[in-house]
């Protein structure tokens, strides 16, 4: 399970399992990555729920 985050100048991919972890990134500043990490952590339950709806079973 993972989520992609897109910013103005780049993007990042975060693994959600077994724990939230930055998988890769391109073009984002450390500040943007930190903010993205915070947002993924803050919205983890919503992201997991959306993943399960999109990929049932």
C-alpha atoms as a PDB file:
ATOM      1  CA  UNK A   1       0.000   0.000   0.000  1.00  0.00           C
ATOM      2  CA  UNK A   2       1.423   3.381  -0.988  1.00  0.00           C
ATOM      3  CA  UNK A   3       0.447   6.927  -1.865  1.00  0.00           C
ATOM      4  CA  UNK A   4       1.866   9.412  -4.369  1.00  0.00           C
ATOM      5  CA  UNK A   5       2.185  13.072  -3.417  1.00  0.00           C
ATOM      6  CA  UNK A   6       2.594  15.744  -6.067  1.00  0.00           C
ATOM      7  CA  UNK A   7       3.867  19.268  -5.532  1.00  0.00           C
ATOM      8  CA  UNK A   8       4.527  22.168  -7.883  1.00  0.00           C
ATOM      9  CA  UNK A   9       8.109  21.137  -8.556  1.00  0.00           C
ATOM     10  CA  UNK A  10       8.114  17.398  -8.013  1.00  0.00           C
ATOM     11  CA  UNK A  11       6.612  14.336  -6.439  1.00  0.00           C
ATOM     12  CA  UNK A  12       7.116  11.687  -3.787  1.00  0.00           C
ATOM     13  CA  UNK A  13       5.944   8.172  -3.043  1.00  0.00           C
ATOM     14  CA  UNK A  14       5.291   6.971   0.497  1.00  0.00           C
ATOM     15  CA  UNK A  15       4.885   3.369   1.618  1.00  0.00           C
ATOM     16  CA  UNK A  16       2.098   2.955   4.162  1.00  0.00           C
ATOM     17  CA  UNK A  17       3.055  -0.544   5.272  1.00  0.00           C
ATOM     18  CA  UNK A  18       4.494  -1.766   7.443  1.00  0.00           C
ATOM     19  CA  UNK A  19       4.975   1.873   8.518  1.00  0.00           C
ATOM     20  CA  UNK A  20       4.824   5.210   6.729  1.00  0.00           C
ATOM     21  CA  UNK A  21       8.138   5.640   4.938  1.00  0.00           C
ATOM     22  CA  UNK A  22       9.385   7.784   2.072  1.00  0.00           C
ATOM     23  CA  UNK A  23      10.030   5.448  -0.870  1.00  0.00           C
ATOM     24  CA  UNK A  24      11.307   7.967  -3.397  1.00  0.00           C
ATOM     25  CA  UNK A  25      11.104  11.601  -4.360  1.00  0.00           C
ATOM     26  CA  UNK A  26      12.123  13.955  -7.136  1.00  0.00           C
ATOM     27  CA  UNK A  27      12.186  17.732  -7.242  1.00  0.00           C
ATOM     28  CA  UNK A  28      10.794  18.392  -3.770  1.00  0.00           C
ATOM     29  CA  UNK A  29      12.655  20.353  -1.119  1.00  0.00           C
ATOM     30  CA  UNK A  30      13.285  18.931   2.353  1.00  0.00           C
ATOM     31  CA  UNK A  31      10.604  21.260   3.649  1.00  0.00           C
ATOM     32  CA  UNK A  32       8.072  19.975   1.102  1.00  0.00           C
ATOM     33  CA  UNK A  33       8.961  16.360   1.938  1.00  0.00           C
ATOM     34  CA  UNK A  34       8.531  17.079   5.650  1.00  0.00           C
ATOM     35  CA  UNK A  35       5.148  18.679   5.005  1.00  0.00           C
ATOM     36  CA  UNK A  36       4.073  15.772   2.796  1.00  0.00           C
ATOM     37  CA  UNK A  37       5.154  13.291   5.467  1.00  0.00           C
ATOM     38  CA  UNK A  38       3.150  15.171   8.075  1.00  0.00           C
ATOM     39  CA  UNK A  39       0.067  15.215   5.841  1.00  0.00           C
ATOM     40  CA  UNK A  40       0.316  11.500   5.027  1.00  0.00           C
ATOM     41  CA  UNK A  41       0.620  10.713   8.741  1.00  0.00           C
ATOM     42  CA  UNK A  42      -2.271  13.030   9.598  1.00  0.00           C
ATOM     43  CA  UNK A  43      -4.551  11.498   6.949  1.00  0.00           C
ATOM     44  CA  UNK A  44      -3.333   7.907   7.119  1.00  0.00           C
ATOM     45  CA  UNK A  45      -6.745   6.431   7.962  1.00  0.00           C
ATOM     46  CA  UNK A  46      -8.464   8.289   5.110  1.00  0.00           C
ATOM     47  CA  UNK A  47      -5.752   7.209   2.657  1.00  0.00           C
ATOM     48  CA  UNK A  48      -6.020   3.572   3.751  1.00  0.00           C
ATOM     49  CA  UNK A  49      -9.811   3.691   3.426  1.00  0.00           C
ATOM     50  CA  UNK A  50      -9.605   5.183  -0.081  1.00  0.00           C
ATOM     51  CA  UNK A  51      -7.030   2.531  -1.069  1.00  0.00           C
ATOM     52  CA  UNK A  52      -9.334  -0.272   0.094  1.00  0.00           C
ATOM     53  CA  UNK A  53     -12.266   1.202  -1.837  1.00  0.00           C
ATOM     54  CA  UNK A  54     -10.152   1.560  -4.988  1.00  0.00           C
ATOM     55  CA  UNK A  55      -8.525  -1.887  -4.638  1.00  0.00           C
ATOM     56  CA  UNK A  56     -11.182  -4.135  -3.031  1.00  0.00           C
ATOM     57  CA  UNK A  57     -10.326  -7.646  -1.959  1.00  0.00           C
END
